[in-house]
Amino acid sequence: MTDTTERAGELADLAARFPKLHAPQRWAWGGIDAQFSAELPPDELITNIHVVGFTEGRVVLCRDARGHWFLPGGTREAAESVESCLVRELREEAGARLAGPPTWIGAHRAVTDHPVPYRPWQPHPEKAWLWGWAEVVVDSAPTNPDDGEQVVEVRAMTPDEARHLLVRGRDAWWGELLTLAVESHRTR
């Protein structure tokens, strides 16, 4: 079996195991049609980076002032590298720092029907949200910049607790994304 055939089989297996995560999605808030794949996008398409942060086997979640629980991450700034964005977003939203290199598990490839990009430097109309996991250390309060989410709580919890909070009031693909990250984390 060739490497290409083997990789196609791995991708098909992941899609079968996580059907909600891999299903086409419409993100009305951004006029976006998105679809997840474990195949990583080219760097120039990545506009957003999010990570499942693990600390002592627990998952780090952030809660904003509206009561919304989320994974740390966010929008890439102009000329910012993926790793610099991740470092900045972890500090801003979770008061955390990387304790090891990130492992990228996939991305939502997306196309927006908005006439202009969200930020002038972003690719348009195609873009990608990169998802991964990393070992982190929560060692300060979130910096909460004025132009970002205002985080009121950061909590490390079991994967089951995190799954419950991420899925509550949202599409079920969030739970599958977390499960994929936990499985990837366990095998590394």
Protein backbone atom coordinates (compact mmCIF):
# COMPACT_ATOMS: atom_id res chain seq x y z
CA MET A 1 0.00 0.00 0.00
CA THR A 2 1.33 3.45 -0.89
CA ASP A 3 1.68 6.25 1.63
CA THR A 4 -1.05 8.21 -0.19
CA THR A 5 -3.45 5.26 -0.08
CA GLU A 6 -2.65 4.63 3.58
CA ARG A 7 -3.20 8.30 4.47
CA ALA A 8 -6.52 8.35 2.57
CA GLY A 9 -7.59 5.30 4.59
CA GLU A 10 -6.63 7.02 7.88
CA LEU A 11 -8.60 10.14 6.91
CA ALA A 12 -11.65 8.05 5.94
CA ASP A 13 -11.43 6.16 9.25
CA LEU A 14 -11.36 9.43 11.22
CA ALA A 15 -14.34 10.77 9.26
CA ALA A 16 -16.29 7.57 10.00
CA ARG A 17 -15.41 7.69 13.72
CA PHE A 18 -16.20 11.42 14.07
CA PRO A 19 -19.07 12.03 11.61
CA LYS A 20 -20.44 15.19 13.28
CA LEU A 21 -17.00 16.81 13.29
CA HIS A 22 -16.46 15.99 9.60
CA ALA A 23 -19.96 16.95 8.41
CA PRO A 24 -20.34 20.12 6.33
CA GLN A 25 -21.32 23.03 8.56
CA ARG A 26 -22.83 26.46 8.15
CA TRP A 27 -21.52 29.06 10.59
CA ALA A 28 -24.18 31.74 10.17
CA TRP A 29 -22.32 34.26 12.39
CA GLY A 30 -19.62 34.58 9.72
CA GLY A 31 -21.51 33.60 6.56
CA ILE A 32 -19.20 30.59 6.48
CA ASP A 33 -19.46 27.11 5.02
CA ALA A 34 -16.89 24.92 6.77
CA GLN A 35 -15.74 21.32 6.81
CA PHE A 36 -13.21 19.64 9.09
CA SER A 37 -10.36 17.48 7.86
CA ALA A 38 -7.31 16.00 9.56
CA GLU A 39 -5.42 17.11 6.45
CA LEU A 40 -3.67 20.33 7.46
CA PRO A 41 -4.18 23.44 5.32
CA PRO A 42 -1.39 25.57 3.88
CA ASP A 43 -0.09 28.18 6.32
CA GLU A 44 -1.33 31.11 4.23
CA LEU A 45 -4.99 30.01 4.70
CA ILE A 46 -4.84 29.78 8.51
CA THR A 47 -6.71 32.70 10.08
CA ASN A 48 -7.61 31.20 13.47
CA ILE A 49 -5.82 28.89 15.88
CA HIS A 50 -7.37 27.01 18.79
CA VAL A 51 -5.90 24.46 21.15
CA VAL A 52 -7.02 21.92 23.69
CA GLY A 53 -4.65 22.74 26.52
CA PHE A 54 -3.73 19.83 28.78
CA THR A 55 -2.37 20.33 32.26
CA GLU A 56 -1.77 17.23 34.39
CA GLY A 57 -4.24 15.27 32.23
CA ARG A 58 -6.97 17.86 32.60
CA VAL A 59 -8.39 20.14 29.91
CA VAL A 60 -8.18 23.94 30.24
CA LEU A 61 -11.35 25.83 29.33
CA CYS A 62 -12.09 29.55 29.50
CA ARG A 63 -15.42 31.19 30.36
CA ASP A 64 -16.29 34.67 29.14
CA ALA A 65 -18.54 37.26 30.76
CA ARG A 66 -21.57 35.87 28.87
CA GLY A 67 -21.07 32.44 30.51
CA HIS A 68 -19.77 30.89 27.28
CA TRP A 69 -17.11 28.15 27.73
CA PHE A 70 -14.47 27.87 25.00
CA LEU A 71 -11.05 26.56 24.05
CA PRO A 72 -8.26 29.14 24.10
CA GLY A 73 -7.34 30.52 20.72
CA GLY A 74 -8.30 33.17 18.26
CA THR A 75 -7.56 35.24 15.22
CA ARG A 76 -4.10 35.47 13.75
CA GLU A 77 -2.68 38.99 13.44
CA ALA A 78 -0.99 40.38 10.32
CA ALA A 79 2.33 38.62 9.62
CA GLU A 80 1.99 36.57 12.82
CA SER A 81 3.25 32.99 12.80
CA VAL A 82 0.98 30.14 13.90
CA GLU A 83 3.11 29.51 16.99
CA SER A 84 3.27 33.22 17.94
CA CYS A 85 -0.50 33.44 17.64
CA LEU A 86 -0.93 30.37 19.84
CA VAL A 87 1.47 31.75 22.49
CA ARG A 88 -0.32 35.13 22.49
CA GLU A 89 -3.83 33.67 22.61
CA LEU A 90 -2.96 31.26 25.45
CA ARG A 91 -1.65 34.18 27.53
CA GLU A 92 -4.57 36.50 26.67
CA GLU A 93 -7.39 34.02 27.25
CA ALA A 94 -6.09 31.40 29.67
CA GLY A 95 -3.13 33.00 31.45
CA ALA A 96 -1.19 29.99 30.19
CA ARG A 97 2.07 29.19 28.45
CA LEU A 98 3.16 26.26 26.32
CA ALA A 99 4.93 23.46 28.18
CA GLY A 100 5.67 21.55 24.97
CA PRO A 101 5.17 21.81 21.24
CA PRO A 102 1.62 21.81 19.87
CA THR A 103 0.24 18.85 17.94
CA TRP A 104 -2.09 19.85 15.11
CA ILE A 105 -5.02 17.46 14.64
CA GLY A 106 -6.87 19.12 11.78
CA ALA A 107 -8.62 22.19 10.51
CA HIS A 108 -11.93 23.49 9.36
CA ARG A 109 -11.48 24.63 5.78
CA ALA A 110 -13.93 27.45 5.21
CA VAL A 111 -15.40 29.71 2.56
CA THR A 112 -17.25 32.88 3.49
CA ASP A 113 -19.92 34.60 1.47
CA HIS A 114 -19.10 37.97 3.09
CA PRO A 115 -17.83 40.44 0.48
CA VAL A 116 -14.68 41.44 2.40
CA PRO A 117 -12.31 39.57 4.75
CA TYR A 118 -12.84 39.76 8.52
CA ARG A 119 -9.45 41.49 8.77
CA PRO A 120 -7.79 43.17 5.75
CA TRP A 121 -4.70 40.92 5.83
CA GLN A 122 -6.64 37.63 5.88
CA PRO A 123 -7.13 35.39 2.88
CA HIS A 124 -10.54 35.71 1.28
CA PRO A 125 -12.95 34.05 0.63
CA GLU A 126 -11.13 30.82 1.60
CA LYS A 127 -9.63 30.42 5.06
CA ALA A 128 -8.94 27.79 7.73
CA TRP A 129 -9.32 27.33 11.49
CA LEU A 130 -6.45 25.21 12.83
CA TRP A 131 -7.14 22.86 15.78
CA GLY A 132 -4.61 21.15 18.01
CA TRP A 133 -3.57 20.26 21.50
CA ALA A 134 -0.59 21.08 23.69
CA GLU A 135 0.68 20.67 27.21
CA VAL A 136 0.25 24.01 28.98
CA VAL A 137 0.90 25.59 32.35
CA VAL A 138 -1.65 28.05 33.71
CA ASP A 139 0.54 30.44 35.66
CA SER A 140 -1.20 33.83 35.60
CA ALA A 141 -4.53 35.53 35.06
CA PRO A 142 -5.71 36.08 31.47
CA THR A 143 -4.48 39.40 30.10
CA ASN A 144 -7.94 40.18 28.62
CA PRO A 145 -7.01 42.75 25.95
CA ASP A 146 -9.73 45.28 25.15
CA ASP A 147 -10.34 43.84 21.67
CA GLY A 148 -10.70 40.22 22.86
CA GLU A 149 -13.07 38.07 24.86
CA GLN A 150 -13.25 39.13 28.49
CA VAL A 151 -12.40 35.91 30.32
CA VAL A 152 -13.82 35.69 33.84
CA GLU A 153 -12.78 32.11 34.65
CA VAL A 154 -10.14 29.60 33.61
CA ARG A 155 -10.61 26.06 34.82
CA ALA A 156 -8.75 22.76 34.35
CA MET A 157 -11.25 19.91 34.34
CA THR A 158 -11.64 16.31 33.29
CA PRO A 159 -12.18 15.70 29.57
CA ASP A 160 -15.76 14.58 30.30
CA GLU A 161 -16.53 17.82 32.17
CA ALA A 162 -14.96 19.86 29.36
CA ARG A 163 -16.92 17.93 26.72
CA HIS A 164 -20.17 18.63 28.57
CA LEU A 165 -19.47 22.37 28.81
CA LEU A 166 -18.28 22.69 25.20
CA VAL A 167 -21.31 20.91 23.74
CA ARG A 168 -23.92 22.58 25.95
CA GLY A 169 -25.94 24.85 23.68
CA ARG A 170 -23.72 24.09 20.66
CA ASP A 171 -23.32 21.64 17.83
CA ALA A 172 -22.21 18.16 18.90
CA TRP A 173 -19.07 18.35 16.75
CA TRP A 174 -17.37 20.18 19.64
CA GLY A 175 -17.51 17.00 21.71
CA GLU A 176 -16.03 14.96 18.87
CA LEU A 177 -13.24 17.52 18.42
CA LEU A 178 -12.36 17.23 22.10
CA THR A 179 -12.46 13.42 21.94
CA LEU A 180 -10.11 13.46 18.94
CA ALA A 181 -7.67 15.72 20.83
CA VAL A 182 -7.81 13.51 23.94
CA GLU A 183 -7.15 10.38 21.87
CA SER A 184 -4.25 12.06 20.06
CA HIS A 185 -2.83 13.27 23.37
CA ARG A 186 -2.99 9.75 24.86
CA THR A 187 -1.10 8.21 21.94
CA ARG A 188 1.78 10.69 22.08
